[in-house]
N, C-alpha and C. Protein backbone atom coordinates (compact mmCIF):
# COMPACT_ATOMS: atom_id res chain seq x y z
N MET A 1 18.63 88.55 -8.33
CA MET A 1 19.67 89.47 -7.68
C MET A 1 20.85 89.58 -8.44
N LYS A 2 21.20 90.90 -8.66
CA LYS A 2 22.31 91.09 -9.53
C LYS A 2 23.60 91.38 -8.43
N ARG A 3 24.69 91.15 -8.94
CA ARG A 3 26.04 91.39 -8.14
C ARG A 3 27.03 92.02 -9.15
N TYR A 4 27.65 93.09 -8.64
CA TYR A 4 28.46 93.93 -9.29
C TYR A 4 29.94 94.08 -8.70
N THR A 5 30.97 94.06 -9.41
CA THR A 5 32.35 94.30 -9.03
C THR A 5 32.70 95.59 -9.50
N ILE A 6 33.15 96.40 -8.58
CA ILE A 6 33.51 97.89 -8.85
C ILE A 6 35.00 98.14 -8.29
N THR A 7 35.73 99.16 -8.96
CA THR A 7 37.01 99.54 -8.53
C THR A 7 37.04 100.96 -8.03
N ILE A 8 37.42 101.18 -6.83
CA ILE A 8 37.57 102.57 -6.41
C ILE A 8 38.91 102.97 -5.85
N PRO A 9 39.22 104.21 -5.81
CA PRO A 9 40.63 104.43 -5.14
C PRO A 9 40.68 104.13 -3.62
N ASP A 10 41.71 103.89 -3.16
CA ASP A 10 41.80 103.47 -1.65
C ASP A 10 41.26 104.61 -0.84
N ASP A 11 41.52 105.86 -1.26
CA ASP A 11 41.33 106.87 -0.31
C ASP A 11 39.76 107.24 -0.32
N LYS A 12 39.06 106.66 -1.23
CA LYS A 12 37.48 106.88 -1.28
C LYS A 12 36.82 105.83 -0.79
N GLU A 13 37.33 104.64 -0.28
CA GLU A 13 36.72 103.51 0.17
C GLU A 13 35.62 103.79 1.32
N LYS A 14 36.18 104.62 2.24
CA LYS A 14 35.37 104.70 3.48
C LYS A 14 34.09 105.64 3.17
N THR A 15 34.22 106.52 2.27
CA THR A 15 33.19 107.47 1.79
C THR A 15 32.20 106.60 1.04
N PHE A 16 32.77 105.91 0.18
CA PHE A 16 31.84 104.98 -0.79
C PHE A 16 31.07 103.95 0.04
N ILE A 17 31.58 103.34 1.10
CA ILE A 17 30.97 102.46 1.94
C ILE A 17 29.87 103.10 2.70
N GLU A 18 30.15 104.28 3.17
CA GLU A 18 29.25 105.05 4.00
C GLU A 18 28.03 105.31 3.12
N MET A 19 28.23 105.58 1.85
CA MET A 19 27.20 106.17 0.92
C MET A 19 26.33 104.76 0.67
N MET A 20 26.88 103.75 0.38
CA MET A 20 26.12 102.52 0.17
C MET A 20 25.27 101.99 1.37
N LYS A 21 25.86 102.32 2.54
CA LYS A 21 24.98 101.80 3.73
C LYS A 21 23.57 102.51 3.77
N HIS A 22 23.56 103.50 3.12
CA HIS A 22 22.30 104.50 3.19
C HIS A 22 21.30 104.16 2.25
N ILE A 23 21.79 103.23 1.26
CA ILE A 23 20.80 102.62 0.26
C ILE A 23 20.16 101.47 0.80
N ASP A 24 18.74 101.69 0.89
CA ASP A 24 18.00 100.59 1.66
C ASP A 24 17.94 99.33 0.89
N TYR A 25 18.00 99.30 -0.39
CA TYR A 25 17.98 97.84 -1.15
C TYR A 25 19.24 97.25 -1.43
N ILE A 26 20.40 97.84 -0.97
CA ILE A 26 21.61 97.11 -0.98
C ILE A 26 21.69 95.97 0.25
N GLU A 27 21.80 94.84 -0.14
CA GLU A 27 21.70 93.87 0.87
C GLU A 27 22.98 93.41 1.63
N ASP A 28 24.20 93.57 0.83
CA ASP A 28 25.39 93.35 1.55
C ASP A 28 26.59 94.06 0.75
N ILE A 29 27.48 94.33 1.72
CA ILE A 29 28.80 95.05 1.17
C ILE A 29 29.87 94.18 1.59
N VAL A 30 30.47 93.55 0.76
CA VAL A 30 31.55 92.61 1.02
C VAL A 30 32.89 93.01 0.21
N ASP A 31 34.01 93.14 1.11
CA ASP A 31 35.33 93.34 0.45
C ASP A 31 35.80 92.09 -0.11
N ASP A 32 35.74 91.75 -1.40
CA ASP A 32 35.81 90.35 -1.98
C ASP A 32 37.17 90.35 -2.65
N LEU A 33 38.27 90.13 -2.05
CA LEU A 33 39.58 89.99 -2.59
C LEU A 33 39.96 88.66 -3.07
N THR A 34 39.11 87.92 -4.03
CA THR A 34 39.41 86.71 -4.22
C THR A 34 40.05 86.53 -5.58
N TYR A 35 40.84 85.63 -5.85
CA TYR A 35 41.57 85.56 -6.95
C TYR A 35 41.04 84.18 -7.65
N ASN A 36 40.82 84.33 -8.95
CA ASN A 36 40.37 83.01 -9.81
C ASN A 36 41.73 82.57 -10.34
N ILE A 37 42.30 81.45 -9.91
CA ILE A 37 43.46 80.74 -10.39
C ILE A 37 42.98 79.47 -10.92
N THR A 38 43.19 79.31 -12.30
CA THR A 38 42.80 78.08 -12.99
C THR A 38 43.58 76.85 -12.49
N GLU A 39 43.09 75.80 -12.70
CA GLU A 39 43.90 74.47 -12.42
C GLU A 39 45.23 74.45 -13.34
N GLU A 40 45.13 74.96 -14.51
CA GLU A 40 46.20 74.80 -15.13
C GLU A 40 47.38 75.72 -14.72
N GLU A 41 47.01 76.96 -14.21
CA GLU A 41 47.82 77.90 -13.42
C GLU A 41 48.54 77.36 -12.19
N LYS A 42 47.61 76.64 -11.44
CA LYS A 42 48.11 75.91 -10.26
C LYS A 42 49.15 74.80 -10.57
N GLU A 43 49.07 74.00 -11.61
CA GLU A 43 49.61 73.07 -12.21
C GLU A 43 51.13 73.65 -12.58
N ILE A 44 51.18 74.74 -13.24
CA ILE A 44 52.36 75.44 -13.45
C ILE A 44 53.13 75.64 -12.29
N VAL A 45 52.57 76.28 -11.26
CA VAL A 45 53.28 76.58 -10.15
C VAL A 45 53.84 75.31 -9.38
N ARG A 46 52.99 74.22 -9.45
CA ARG A 46 53.52 72.99 -8.75
C ARG A 46 54.75 72.42 -9.50
N GLU A 47 54.68 72.38 -10.79
CA GLU A 47 55.90 72.01 -11.68
C GLU A 47 57.11 72.83 -11.34
N ARG A 48 56.76 74.11 -11.13
CA ARG A 48 57.98 74.87 -10.88
C ARG A 48 58.51 74.76 -9.46
N ILE A 49 57.65 74.40 -8.55
CA ILE A 49 58.23 74.06 -7.28
C ILE A 49 59.01 72.70 -7.10
N LYS A 50 58.18 71.69 -7.85
CA LYS A 50 58.90 70.40 -7.97
C LYS A 50 60.35 70.65 -8.58
N LYS A 51 60.46 71.51 -9.54
CA LYS A 51 61.65 71.59 -10.40
C LYS A 51 62.80 72.15 -9.29
N TYR A 52 62.28 73.18 -8.70
CA TYR A 52 63.22 73.81 -7.77
C TYR A 52 63.69 72.75 -6.63
N GLU A 53 62.66 71.96 -6.01
CA GLU A 53 62.97 71.11 -5.04
C GLU A 53 63.85 69.85 -5.48
N ASP A 54 63.77 69.60 -6.77
CA ASP A 54 64.77 68.45 -7.34
C ASP A 54 66.16 68.94 -7.47
N SER A 55 66.35 70.30 -7.88
CA SER A 55 67.68 70.82 -7.99
C SER A 55 67.81 72.27 -7.47
N PRO A 56 67.64 72.50 -6.15
CA PRO A 56 67.77 73.78 -5.69
C PRO A 56 69.21 74.55 -5.84
N ASP A 57 70.17 73.83 -6.23
CA ASP A 57 71.55 74.37 -6.42
C ASP A 57 71.56 75.10 -7.89
N CYS A 58 70.55 74.97 -8.65
CA CYS A 58 70.58 75.49 -9.78
C CYS A 58 69.93 76.80 -9.91
N TYR A 59 69.59 77.30 -8.67
CA TYR A 59 68.75 78.66 -8.49
C TYR A 59 69.53 79.45 -7.54
N LEU A 60 69.29 80.73 -7.69
CA LEU A 60 69.96 81.85 -6.97
C LEU A 60 69.07 82.41 -5.96
N SER A 61 69.50 82.78 -4.73
CA SER A 61 68.73 83.52 -3.89
C SER A 61 68.68 84.94 -4.28
N TRP A 62 67.58 85.77 -3.84
CA TRP A 62 67.45 87.18 -4.23
C TRP A 62 68.77 87.95 -3.98
N ASP A 63 69.32 87.57 -2.89
CA ASP A 63 70.56 88.49 -2.39
C ASP A 63 71.68 88.16 -3.49
N ASP A 64 71.80 86.97 -3.93
CA ASP A 64 72.76 86.65 -5.00
C ASP A 64 72.46 87.32 -6.33
N ILE A 65 71.25 87.49 -6.59
CA ILE A 65 70.76 88.13 -7.80
C ILE A 65 71.25 89.67 -7.76
N GLU A 66 70.91 90.08 -6.64
CA GLU A 66 71.23 91.63 -6.42
C GLU A 66 72.70 91.71 -6.62
N LYS A 67 73.62 90.89 -5.98
CA LYS A 67 75.06 91.00 -6.10
C LYS A 67 75.40 90.91 -7.64
N GLN A 68 74.85 90.07 -8.25
CA GLN A 68 75.28 89.91 -9.54
C GLN A 68 74.92 91.18 -10.47
N ILE A 69 73.84 91.78 -10.09
CA ILE A 69 73.38 92.97 -11.06
C ILE A 69 73.99 94.42 -10.46
N GLY A 70 74.74 94.13 -9.33
CA GLY A 70 75.21 95.32 -8.53
C GLY A 70 74.30 96.19 -7.94
N HIS A 71 73.38 95.75 -7.24
CA HIS A 71 72.33 96.51 -6.34
C HIS A 71 72.46 95.98 -5.05
N GLU A 72 73.54 95.79 -4.56
CA GLU A 72 73.88 95.46 -3.11
C GLU A 72 73.81 96.54 -2.36
């Protein structure tokens, strides 16, 4: 059994799914929005969270950032 991943425009999804339903040898149609995140990437995020938790005063809120760049 083969599996393919395809990309289609949002406005064509309904039409595409309906066409696929009419092909008798297609077994399953799944909207598979999974993300493959490596352990290394997860560890980077964990380190950044820990760094923030250890010194939250060193970071700015989004509102403060907008104020600094004049997009208030």
